[in-house]
Protein backbone atom coordinates (compact mmCIF):
# COMPACT_ATOMS: atom_id res chain seq x y z
CA MET A 1 -1.31 -30.22 84.23
CA GLN A 2 -0.18 -32.79 81.68
CA ASP A 3 0.08 -30.08 78.75
CA GLY A 4 2.42 -28.08 81.02
CA MET A 5 4.89 -30.87 81.41
CA LEU A 6 4.68 -31.79 77.57
CA ARG A 7 5.60 -27.77 76.93
CA GLU A 8 8.39 -27.60 79.94
CA ALA A 9 9.69 -31.27 78.02
CA GLY A 10 9.29 -29.50 74.22
CA ALA A 11 11.57 -26.31 75.60
CA GLY A 12 14.03 -28.73 77.27
CA VAL A 13 14.54 -30.77 73.81
CA GLY A 14 14.82 -26.77 72.06
CA VAL A 15 17.48 -25.88 74.40
CA ALA A 16 19.44 -29.34 73.74
CA MET A 17 19.16 -28.78 70.18
CA ALA A 18 20.10 -25.23 70.30
CA ARG A 19 22.89 -26.32 72.68
CA ASP A 20 24.08 -28.94 70.10
CA ARG A 21 23.97 -26.55 67.25
CA GLY A 22 26.19 -23.93 68.78
CA ALA A 23 28.62 -26.20 69.69
CA ALA A 24 28.96 -27.28 65.94
CA MET A 25 28.52 -23.63 64.90
CA LEU A 26 31.59 -23.26 67.17
CA GLY A 27 33.06 -26.15 65.58
CA ALA A 28 32.73 -25.30 62.26
CA PHE A 29 34.56 -21.69 63.07
CA VAL A 30 37.48 -23.51 64.70
CA GLU A 31 37.85 -25.25 62.02
CA GLY A 32 38.27 -22.36 59.95
CA LEU A 33 40.78 -20.54 61.69
CA GLY A 34 43.56 -23.00 60.08
CA THR A 35 44.37 -20.98 57.42
CA GLY A 36 46.25 -18.19 59.42
CA ASP A 37 45.24 -15.24 57.43
CA VAL A 38 43.59 -12.89 60.08
CA ARG A 39 41.52 -11.07 56.82
CA THR A 40 39.08 -14.22 56.31
CA THR A 41 38.48 -14.74 60.04
CA ARG A 42 35.43 -12.32 59.87
CA ALA A 43 34.29 -13.65 56.45
CA ARG A 44 34.39 -17.10 58.15
CA PHE A 45 32.47 -16.55 61.24
CA GLU A 46 29.78 -14.75 58.70
CA GLN A 47 29.71 -17.64 56.60
CA VAL A 48 29.29 -20.31 59.63
CA VAL A 49 26.47 -17.84 61.56
CA ARG A 50 24.77 -17.63 58.26
CA ASP A 51 24.74 -21.54 57.46
CA HIS A 52 23.81 -22.11 61.34
CA LEU A 53 21.05 -19.37 61.78
CA GLY A 54 19.83 -19.65 58.00
CA VAL A 55 19.47 -15.66 57.70
CA ALA A 56 20.80 -13.66 54.37
CA PHE A 57 23.32 -11.61 56.14
CA VAL A 58 25.34 -11.07 59.32
CA ARG A 59 26.96 -7.80 60.67
CA PHE A 60 28.93 -7.31 63.77
CA ARG A 61 30.05 -3.95 64.70
CA GLU A 62 31.66 -2.49 67.83
CA CYS A 63 29.05 0.45 69.58
CA PRO A 64 29.28 3.00 72.41
CA SER A 65 28.29 1.03 75.77
CA SER A 66 25.19 3.53 76.06
CA THR A 67 23.67 2.78 72.68
CA VAL A 68 20.11 1.04 72.63
CA ILE A 69 19.51 -1.59 70.71
CA THR A 70 16.81 0.05 68.42
CA ASP A 71 19.03 3.17 67.68
CA LEU A 72 20.68 1.22 65.46
CA ASP A 73 18.14 -0.52 63.00
CA PRO A 74 14.94 -0.95 64.32
CA SER A 75 14.25 -3.57 60.94
CA LEU A 76 16.42 -5.94 62.39
CA ALA A 77 17.32 -8.29 65.24
CA VAL A 78 20.17 -6.68 67.11
CA THR A 79 21.72 -8.57 70.23
CA LYS A 80 24.45 -6.35 71.89
CA VAL A 81 27.58 -8.54 73.71
CA SER A 82 30.59 -7.59 76.04
CA SER A 83 33.80 -8.67 76.26
CA GLY A 84 36.96 -7.25 77.89
CA GLY A 85 35.51 -4.06 78.60
CA ARG A 86 34.10 -3.54 74.83
CA THR A 87 30.35 -3.67 73.61
CA PHE A 88 29.50 -5.17 70.14
CA ALA A 89 26.16 -5.46 68.82
CA LEU A 90 25.51 -8.25 66.15
CA GLU A 91 22.72 -7.20 63.81
CA LEU A 92 20.48 -10.12 61.81
CA PRO A 93 17.47 -10.05 59.72
CA ARG A 94 14.61 -9.73 61.87
CA PRO A 95 12.94 -13.69 61.82
CA THR A 96 9.16 -14.18 62.30
CA ARG A 97 7.52 -13.75 65.35
CA ALA A 98 7.16 -18.01 65.44
CA ALA A 99 10.81 -18.54 64.68
CA GLN A 100 11.76 -16.45 67.89
CA ASP A 101 11.95 -19.44 70.23
CA GLN A 102 14.09 -20.33 73.32
CA ALA A 103 16.51 -22.19 70.65
CA TRP A 104 17.20 -19.40 68.50
CA HIS A 105 18.09 -17.18 71.00
CA ALA A 106 20.54 -19.22 72.33
CA LEU A 107 21.80 -19.41 69.23
CA VAL A 108 22.24 -15.92 68.55
CA SER A 109 24.18 -15.62 71.82
CA THR A 110 26.43 -18.54 70.71
CA ALA A 111 26.94 -16.19 67.87
CA GLY A 112 27.44 -13.18 69.55
CA GLN A 113 30.23 -15.08 71.98
CA ILE A 114 32.09 -16.28 68.90
CA GLY A 115 32.12 -12.33 67.16
CA ALA A 116 33.76 -11.16 70.67
CA ILE A 117 36.17 -14.10 69.85
CA VAL A 118 36.64 -12.35 66.06
CA ALA A 119 37.00 -8.94 67.33
CA GLU A 120 39.96 -10.21 69.64
CA ILE A 121 41.84 -11.81 66.79
CA GLU A 122 41.12 -8.57 64.79
CA ARG A 123 42.51 -6.07 67.48
CA THR A 124 45.56 -8.55 68.90
CA ALA A 125 46.71 -8.19 64.79
CA GLY A 126 45.99 -4.63 64.77
CA TYR A 127 42.23 -4.43 63.18
CA ARG A 128 39.82 -2.21 64.33
CA VAL A 129 36.23 -3.33 64.38
CA ALA A 130 34.10 -0.65 62.80
CA VAL A 131 32.37 1.18 64.87
CA ALA A 132 28.32 1.54 64.47
CA THR A 133 26.97 4.38 65.56
CA LEU A 134 23.51 5.91 64.89
CA ALA A 135 24.85 8.62 62.62
CA ASP A 136 26.40 6.00 60.48
CA ARG A 137 23.80 3.88 59.78
CA ASP A 138 21.04 6.63 59.28
CA GLY A 139 22.69 7.51 55.59
CA ASN A 140 22.29 3.80 54.93
CA ARG A 141 19.37 2.51 55.50
CA LEU A 142 15.74 3.06 54.08
CA HIS A 143 13.70 5.23 56.53
CA GLY A 144 10.29 4.97 57.15
CA SER A 145 7.40 2.63 59.02
CA SER A 146 4.46 2.92 56.40
CA PRO A 147 3.63 -0.21 55.18
CA GLN A 148 5.11 0.80 51.91
CA VAL A 149 8.14 1.21 53.03
CA GLN A 150 8.12 -2.14 55.29
CA ALA A 151 7.09 -3.96 51.89
CA VAL A 152 10.25 -2.47 50.40
CA ARG A 153 12.48 -3.93 53.22
CA GLN A 154 10.48 -7.14 53.10
CA GLN A 155 11.74 -7.56 49.23
CA ILE A 156 15.22 -6.28 49.77
CA ASP A 157 15.82 -9.37 52.17
CA ARG A 158 14.54 -11.54 49.81
CA ILE A 159 16.32 -10.16 47.09
CA ALA A 160 19.55 -10.35 49.31
CA ARG A 161 19.30 -13.47 49.22
CA THR A 162 20.27 -14.18 46.12
CA ASP A 163 22.82 -13.34 43.09
CA PHE A 164 19.74 -12.41 40.53
CA THR A 165 19.91 -9.03 38.77
CA VAL A 166 18.15 -6.42 40.20
CA LEU A 167 15.86 -3.32 38.40
CA ILE A 168 14.61 -0.77 40.43
CA GLU A 169 12.45 1.58 39.17
CA GLY A 170 10.99 4.84 41.04
CA GLU A 171 10.61 8.79 40.54
CA SER A 172 13.83 10.95 40.89
CA GLY A 173 14.80 11.52 44.73
CA VAL A 174 12.88 8.32 45.83
CA GLY A 175 16.15 6.79 47.26
CA LYS A 176 16.75 3.99 44.25
CA GLU A 177 21.02 3.98 45.21
CA LEU A 178 19.86 3.57 49.11
CA VAL A 179 17.79 0.57 48.14
CA ALA A 180 20.40 -0.74 46.09
CA ARG A 181 22.93 0.08 48.87
CA GLN A 182 21.28 -1.72 51.41
CA ILE A 183 20.66 -5.10 49.01
CA HIS A 184 24.44 -5.07 48.67
CA GLN A 185 24.90 -4.71 52.59
CA TRP A 186 22.40 -7.74 53.08
CA SER A 187 23.70 -10.25 50.77
CA ARG A 188 27.17 -12.08 51.02
CA ARG A 189 28.83 -9.88 48.59
CA ASN A 190 28.88 -7.22 51.36
CA ARG A 191 32.54 -7.59 51.87
CA GLY A 192 33.14 -6.77 48.42
CA PRO A 193 33.05 -3.25 46.75
CA PHE A 194 29.66 -1.21 45.63
CA ILE A 195 30.35 0.45 42.47
CA ALA A 196 28.02 3.15 41.37
CA VAL A 197 27.78 4.41 37.87
CA ASN A 198 26.10 7.41 36.77
CA CYS A 199 25.19 6.17 33.15
CA ALA A 200 23.58 10.10 32.35
CA ALA A 201 27.02 11.54 33.05
CA ILE A 202 29.02 9.30 30.57
CA VAL A 203 30.64 10.51 27.60
CA GLU A 204 29.67 8.16 24.58
CA SER A 205 32.65 8.29 23.41
CA LEU A 206 34.27 7.56 26.66
CA LEU A 207 31.92 4.65 27.51
CA GLU A 208 33.96 1.94 26.68
CA ALA A 209 36.87 2.88 28.60
CA GLU A 210 34.74 3.97 32.03
CA LEU A 211 32.94 0.07 31.99
CA PHE A 212 35.55 -1.92 30.92
CA GLY A 213 38.69 0.17 31.34
CA ILE A 214 41.47 0.83 28.97
CA GLU A 215 44.73 -0.46 28.24
CA ASP A 216 48.66 1.32 29.24
CA ARG A 217 49.93 2.82 26.12
CA THR A 218 46.57 2.30 23.74
CA ALA A 219 47.44 5.98 23.00
CA THR A 220 49.84 8.87 23.37
CA GLY A 221 49.59 9.85 26.94
CA VAL A 222 46.84 7.51 28.00
CA ARG A 223 47.52 5.10 31.54
CA GLY A 224 46.03 1.70 31.70
CA ARG A 225 42.94 1.76 34.28
CA ARG A 226 40.47 -0.90 35.30
CA GLY A 227 37.13 -0.17 34.38
CA LYS A 228 33.80 0.12 36.55
CA LEU A 229 33.11 -3.87 35.88
CA GLU A 230 36.63 -5.28 37.12
CA GLN A 231 36.65 -2.57 39.81
CA ALA A 232 33.20 -4.38 40.76
CA HIS A 233 34.65 -8.02 40.54
CA GLY A 234 33.16 -9.94 43.96
CA GLY A 235 30.93 -7.40 44.70
CA SER A 236 27.96 -5.51 43.15
CA LEU A 237 27.78 -3.17 40.32
CA PHE A 238 24.70 -0.23 40.37
CA LEU A 239 24.00 1.30 36.88
CA ASP A 240 22.23 4.30 37.98
CA GLU A 241 19.22 6.21 35.53
CA VAL A 242 20.78 3.31 32.72
CA ALA A 243 17.40 4.26 30.52
CA ASP A 244 19.67 7.49 29.63
CA LEU A 245 21.69 5.17 27.53
CA SER A 246 22.02 5.45 23.83
CA LEU A 247 21.42 2.03 22.04
CA ALA A 248 24.76 1.99 20.75
CA ALA A 249 25.90 1.95 24.33
CA GLN A 250 23.07 -0.73 25.41
CA ALA A 251 24.57 -3.14 22.62
CA LYS A 252 27.96 -2.86 24.52
CA LEU A 253 27.00 -3.36 27.67
CA LEU A 254 24.41 -5.98 27.11
CA ARG A 255 27.60 -8.38 25.75
CA ALA A 256 29.19 -7.74 28.89
CA LEU A 257 26.27 -8.63 30.80
CA GLN A 258 25.40 -11.97 29.00
CA GLU A 259 28.96 -13.30 29.21
CA PHE A 260 30.16 -11.57 32.53
CA SER A 261 33.56 -10.80 31.12
CA VAL A 262 35.15 -7.45 29.81
CA GLU A 263 37.90 -6.42 27.20
CA ARG A 264 40.09 -3.57 27.60
CA VAL A 265 39.86 -0.78 24.78
CA GLY A 266 42.62 -1.68 23.33
CA GLY A 267 43.69 -4.92 24.75
CA HIS A 268 42.84 -8.92 23.18
CA GLN A 269 42.14 -10.75 26.19
CA THR A 270 38.76 -10.94 28.01
CA LYS A 271 38.28 -10.99 31.64
CA LYS A 272 36.02 -12.76 33.59
CA VAL A 273 33.97 -11.11 36.60
CA ASP A 274 32.16 -11.52 39.40
CA ILE A 275 29.47 -9.12 39.76
CA ARG A 276 25.95 -8.61 40.72
CA ILE A 277 24.19 -6.21 38.48
CA MET A 278 21.65 -3.97 39.97
CA ALA A 279 20.06 -1.19 37.71
CA ALA A 280 17.57 2.25 38.21
CA THR A 281 15.74 4.59 36.34
CA ASN A 282 13.04 6.81 37.13
CA ARG A 283 10.98 6.13 33.56
CA SER A 284 9.06 2.79 32.60
CA LEU A 285 11.40 0.67 30.51
CA SER A 286 8.58 -1.76 29.23
CA ALA A 287 7.13 1.45 27.85
CA LEU A 288 10.62 3.06 26.26
CA VAL A 289 11.23 -1.07 24.92
CA THR A 290 7.35 -0.08 23.01
CA LYS A 291 8.72 3.15 21.44
CA GLY A 292 12.07 1.42 20.42
CA GLN A 293 13.81 3.73 22.79
CA PHE A 294 15.38 1.15 24.57
CA ARG A 295 16.73 -2.38 23.59
CA GLY A 296 14.38 -4.99 24.84
CA ASP A 297 17.04 -7.63 24.81
CA LEU A 298 18.63 -5.66 27.94
CA TYR A 299 15.58 -4.83 29.47
CA TYR A 300 14.92 -8.77 30.10
CA ARG A 301 18.52 -9.31 30.97
CA LEU A 302 18.08 -6.13 33.59
CA ASN A 303 14.33 -7.38 34.70
CA ALA A 304 15.08 -10.55 36.87
CA LEU A 305 13.81 -9.26 39.63
CA GLU A 306 11.87 -5.91 39.88
CA LEU A 307 11.83 -3.29 42.91
CA LYS A 308 9.73 -0.51 43.01
CA VAL A 309 10.34 2.19 45.14
CA PRO A 310 6.93 4.50 46.21
CA PRO A 311 7.11 8.16 45.94
CA LEU A 312 7.21 9.90 49.17
CA ARG A 313 3.43 11.39 48.64
CA ALA A 314 2.18 8.07 48.59
CA ARG A 315 3.56 7.22 52.32
CA ARG A 316 3.33 10.63 53.82
CA GLU A 317 3.45 9.26 57.79
CA ASP A 318 6.68 8.56 56.71
CA ILE A 319 7.46 12.41 56.25
CA PHE A 320 7.90 12.85 60.21
CA ASP A 321 10.27 10.57 60.58
CA LEU A 322 12.42 11.80 57.69
CA ALA A 323 12.22 15.12 58.93
CA GLN A 324 12.88 14.76 62.39
CA GLY A 325 16.04 11.88 61.20
CA CYS A 326 17.50 15.32 58.86
CA LEU A 327 17.00 16.99 62.20
CA GLU A 328 19.10 14.94 63.91
CA ARG A 329 22.13 14.58 61.43
CA HIS A 330 22.13 18.04 61.68
CA ALA A 331 21.99 18.57 65.13
CA GLY A 332 24.16 20.94 66.78
CA PRO A 333 24.64 24.08 69.21
CA GLY A 334 22.28 27.29 67.83
CA ARG A 335 20.60 24.76 65.24
CA PRO A 336 16.45 23.96 65.47
CA CYS A 337 15.67 20.67 67.06
CA ARG A 338 12.35 20.68 66.42
CA MET A 339 9.49 21.99 64.06
CA SER A 340 6.18 24.11 64.65
CA ALA A 341 2.88 22.78 64.31
CA ALA A 342 2.58 24.94 61.26
CA ALA A 343 5.71 23.83 59.48
CA LEU A 344 4.73 20.81 59.90
CA GLU A 345 1.33 20.92 58.66
CA ALA A 346 3.13 22.26 54.94
CA LEU A 347 5.59 19.10 55.05
CA LEU A 348 2.79 16.83 55.59
CA THR A 349 0.31 18.23 52.79
CA TYR A 350 2.79 19.54 49.97
CA GLU A 351 3.42 17.19 47.08
CA TRP A 352 7.05 16.22 47.21
CA PRO A 353 7.85 16.40 43.17
CA GLY A 354 11.31 15.57 44.44
CA ASN A 355 10.73 13.28 47.23
CA VAL A 356 13.23 12.65 49.74
CA ARG A 357 15.93 14.29 48.28
CA GLU A 358 13.26 17.68 48.02
CA LEU A 359 12.86 16.97 51.58
CA GLU A 360 16.32 16.61 52.70
CA ARG A 361 16.98 20.20 50.81
CA VAL A 362 14.28 22.05 52.28
CA ILE A 363 15.10 20.91 56.25
CA GLU A 364 18.35 21.92 55.38
CA ARG A 365 17.16 25.51 54.27
CA ALA A 366 15.11 25.80 57.04
CA ILE A 367 17.97 24.77 59.74
CA THR A 368 19.85 27.64 57.74
CA LEU A 369 17.16 30.05 57.95
CA ALA A 370 15.50 29.63 61.33
CA GLU A 371 16.23 32.10 64.29
CA GLY A 372 15.47 29.99 67.53
CA ASP A 373 15.36 26.56 68.38
CA GLU A 374 11.86 25.87 66.17
CA ILE A 375 11.31 26.12 62.57
CA GLN A 376 8.40 27.99 61.82
CA LEU A 377 6.53 28.01 58.43
CA ASN A 378 8.13 31.29 57.01
CA ASP A 379 11.24 29.54 57.22
CA LEU A 380 10.34 26.74 54.61
CA PRO A 381 10.44 27.23 51.01
CA PRO A 382 7.41 29.57 48.77
CA ALA A 383 6.67 26.54 47.25
CA LEU A 384 5.38 25.45 50.44
CA ASN A 385 3.60 27.43 52.22
CA GLU A 386 2.28 28.99 49.33
CA ARG A 387 -1.34 27.54 49.64
CA TYR A 388 -1.33 29.22 53.54
CA SER A 389 -1.05 32.77 51.94
CA ILE A 390 -4.62 32.97 51.76
CA VAL A 391 -4.41 33.06 55.81
CA GLN A 392 -1.62 34.61 56.86
CA PRO A 393 -3.18 37.87 56.21
CA ALA A 394 -5.88 36.79 58.81
CA THR A 395 -3.24 35.46 61.23
CA GLU A 396 -0.92 38.67 60.98
CA GLY A 397 -3.61 41.26 60.65
CA GLY A 398 -5.43 39.48 64.21
CA GLU A 399 -8.91 38.69 61.76
CA SER A 400 -11.58 36.56 63.54
CA MET A 401 -11.49 33.00 62.65
CA ARG A 402 -14.83 33.62 60.74
CA ALA A 403 -13.04 36.13 58.60
CA TRP A 404 -10.10 33.39 58.22
CA GLY A 405 -12.86 30.50 57.27
CA SER A 406 -14.51 32.70 54.52
CA ARG A 407 -11.26 33.41 53.22
CA TYR A 408 -10.51 29.61 53.03
CA ALA A 409 -14.19 29.19 51.58
CA ARG A 410 -14.16 31.90 48.94
CA LEU A 411 -10.86 30.10 47.73
CA VAL A 412 -12.05 26.66 48.04
CA LEU A 413 -15.07 28.00 45.84
CA GLU A 414 -13.13 29.44 43.16
CA ARG A 415 -11.16 26.20 42.61
CA CYS A 416 -14.34 24.60 42.41
CA ASP A 417 -15.38 26.62 39.72
CA ASN A 418 -17.87 28.15 41.36
CA ASN A 419 -19.74 25.12 42.26
CA LYS A 420 -21.40 25.50 45.50
CA ARG A 421 -22.54 22.19 45.95
CA LYS A 422 -18.70 20.74 44.79
CA ALA A 423 -17.42 23.14 47.25
CA CYS A 424 -19.45 21.57 49.97
CA ARG A 425 -18.21 18.60 48.90
CA VAL A 426 -14.76 19.44 49.49
CA LEU A 427 -14.78 21.48 52.35
CA ASP A 428 -17.21 18.78 53.84
CA ILE A 429 -19.76 21.49 55.38
CA SER A 430 -23.40 22.01 54.68
CA TYR A 431 -24.92 24.26 51.94
CA HIS A 432 -26.31 26.54 54.67
CA THR A 433 -22.72 27.16 56.10
CA LEU A 434 -20.96 27.83 52.92
CA GLN A 435 -23.65 30.40 52.60
CA ALA A 436 -22.88 31.68 55.71
CA TYR A 437 -19.32 32.16 54.84
CA LEU A 438 -19.69 33.44 51.80
CA ARG A 439 -22.34 36.21 53.04
CA TYR A 440 -19.85 37.34 55.64
CA LYS A 441 -18.37 41.01 55.26
CA PRO A 442 -14.99 41.22 56.86
CA LYS A 443 -14.47 44.12 59.18
CA LEU A 444 -11.90 46.56 57.80
CA ARG A 445 -9.11 48.26 59.75
CA ALA A 446 -8.42 51.83 59.80
CA ALA A 447 -5.77 51.92 57.61
CA GLN A 448 -7.90 50.27 55.05
CA ARG A 449 -10.84 52.37 55.48
CA ALA A 450 -8.48 55.53 55.14
CA LEU A 451 -8.02 54.19 51.46
CA LEU A 452 -11.52 53.98 50.75
CA PRO A 453 -13.96 56.78 49.54
CA ALA A 454 -15.81 58.64 52.11
CA ALA A 455 -19.24 57.27 50.55
CA THR A 456 -18.45 53.78 51.92
CA ASP A 457 -16.86 54.68 55.25
CA GLY A 458 -18.97 53.35 58.44
CA ALA A 459 -21.94 51.76 56.04
CA VAL A 460 -23.26 48.88 57.84
CA ASP A 461 -25.22 45.65 56.80
CA GLU A 462 -27.93 45.81 58.93
CA ASP A 463 -29.03 41.88 58.14
CA HIS A 464 -25.25 41.00 59.55
CA GLY A 465 -24.41 43.21 61.97
CA SER A 466 -20.85 43.81 60.45
CA GLU A 467 -19.55 46.46 58.20
CA ALA A 468 -20.26 46.44 54.80
CA ALA A 469 -17.65 45.83 52.13
CA PRO A 470 -16.23 48.28 49.94
CA ARG A 471 -16.94 49.36 46.32
CA MET A 472 -14.62 47.55 43.81
CA PRO A 473 -12.64 49.93 42.08
CA SER A 474 -13.22 50.67 38.83
CA ALA A 475 -11.05 49.22 36.02
CA GLY A 476 -9.46 52.19 35.11
CA SER A 477 -8.59 53.27 39.03
CA GLU A 478 -5.30 55.10 39.34
CA ASN A 479 -4.84 53.62 43.20
CA PRO A 480 -2.91 50.43 42.73
CA ALA A 481 -2.63 50.56 46.47
CA LEU A 482 -6.32 49.97 46.80
CA PRO A 483 -7.42 46.94 48.98
CA VAL A 484 -9.29 44.92 47.07
CA ILE A 485 -11.94 43.03 49.47
CA GLU A 486 -14.48 40.55 48.25
CA ALA A 487 -17.75 41.37 50.16
CA THR A 488 -19.90 39.16 47.86
CA LEU A 489 -19.00 36.19 45.46
CA ALA A 490 -21.29 35.54 42.27
CA SER A 491 -24.75 34.69 42.66
CA GLU A 492 -26.46 31.59 43.05
């Protein structure tokens, strides 16, 4: 009883503290309204909420009233607020379970009410709050629920709280730019620009003008323009495939990153820039430094924080979510909305050298070729269903399960260099079972028997009660259409 009274007293104190902190949050927001600039109202609101809730980022968007909270982003703590017939979503990093007490929820509720005031101020001034929809969010967040993706999300959350340079490593197609965009969106720079630069596509002679800008009339017919570093002022600069820069280009980039200042081509003045640098590569920069193909000083400048994005084959449990998300994005009349079990199995067993990018192209191709409302195995590219070619004749010709198993056992044995013990371990079957599969002689269909010499037609294997296998054609056989059906494999 005494413990219960203490818990109730503690809860009461927590609510009172939350009420006081909520009042302080509202007071800090109101104090910032004296500037008279409507464009800074939202930034002031987000700053106040970040300070009082201790979170790395805050997003407040309008959403349809029918929107389910978990549809917006399962990795975030989302609160819906209704005001004046409109519905809004307040999105915050999800705290630990211990931190989600009654006081925290009360503060979040107060922040949502302040957000509704911000939306009304913007509406009165002619601004419109961005509408958050599932389709809009799907293209800007990292999909998956595997432990590997959850670990990456946690790293993104911690990295977003800082302004340090980030090096993102991962194979081509894993979503390195998506990770960089999410770091930017979750950081205090989310109101600034996100400028992406494909280093592999920059011509060497135009590198300086592209990155640092060029002054007007530097050459005949040349108009002055800002470079990528100036364009990213107040936001983030993403250098994709930075390993593809030449050594000369690396030296020019290093100087700019050391001083965070740029001098335009043809100019004589330097300009300071406030940017966060994020770089990505599909190769190991440390290995390139060892080989002398990448500058060590630039590598250490970029490698303040390192984030590795796992390949798709290392997180196969995310393949279904990614495929389903792609189907939902392309949903429409006459388009398939689900996948057959065989097609899904092919996706799960494929190695995905092109990672998520390749998966998206495969799903788009299947959507285009599918004739019904379900994607079948034949709608997938040959690279995915070629491993099923050994059993497809059995399914199409109505062969028995034993014939199918025998065909597959022979394939595995061949890949094991005819080592039967190894094949047993791969197939997870006993030696006796493997022998039974290998002794099996498939029955021939009438069309196949018609192509065989008369001497083999109707022969019976007395030991197994099935038709004996046909004689194999000689090397000089002139009948290329003669089906090759193995009766036995190499002897033990």
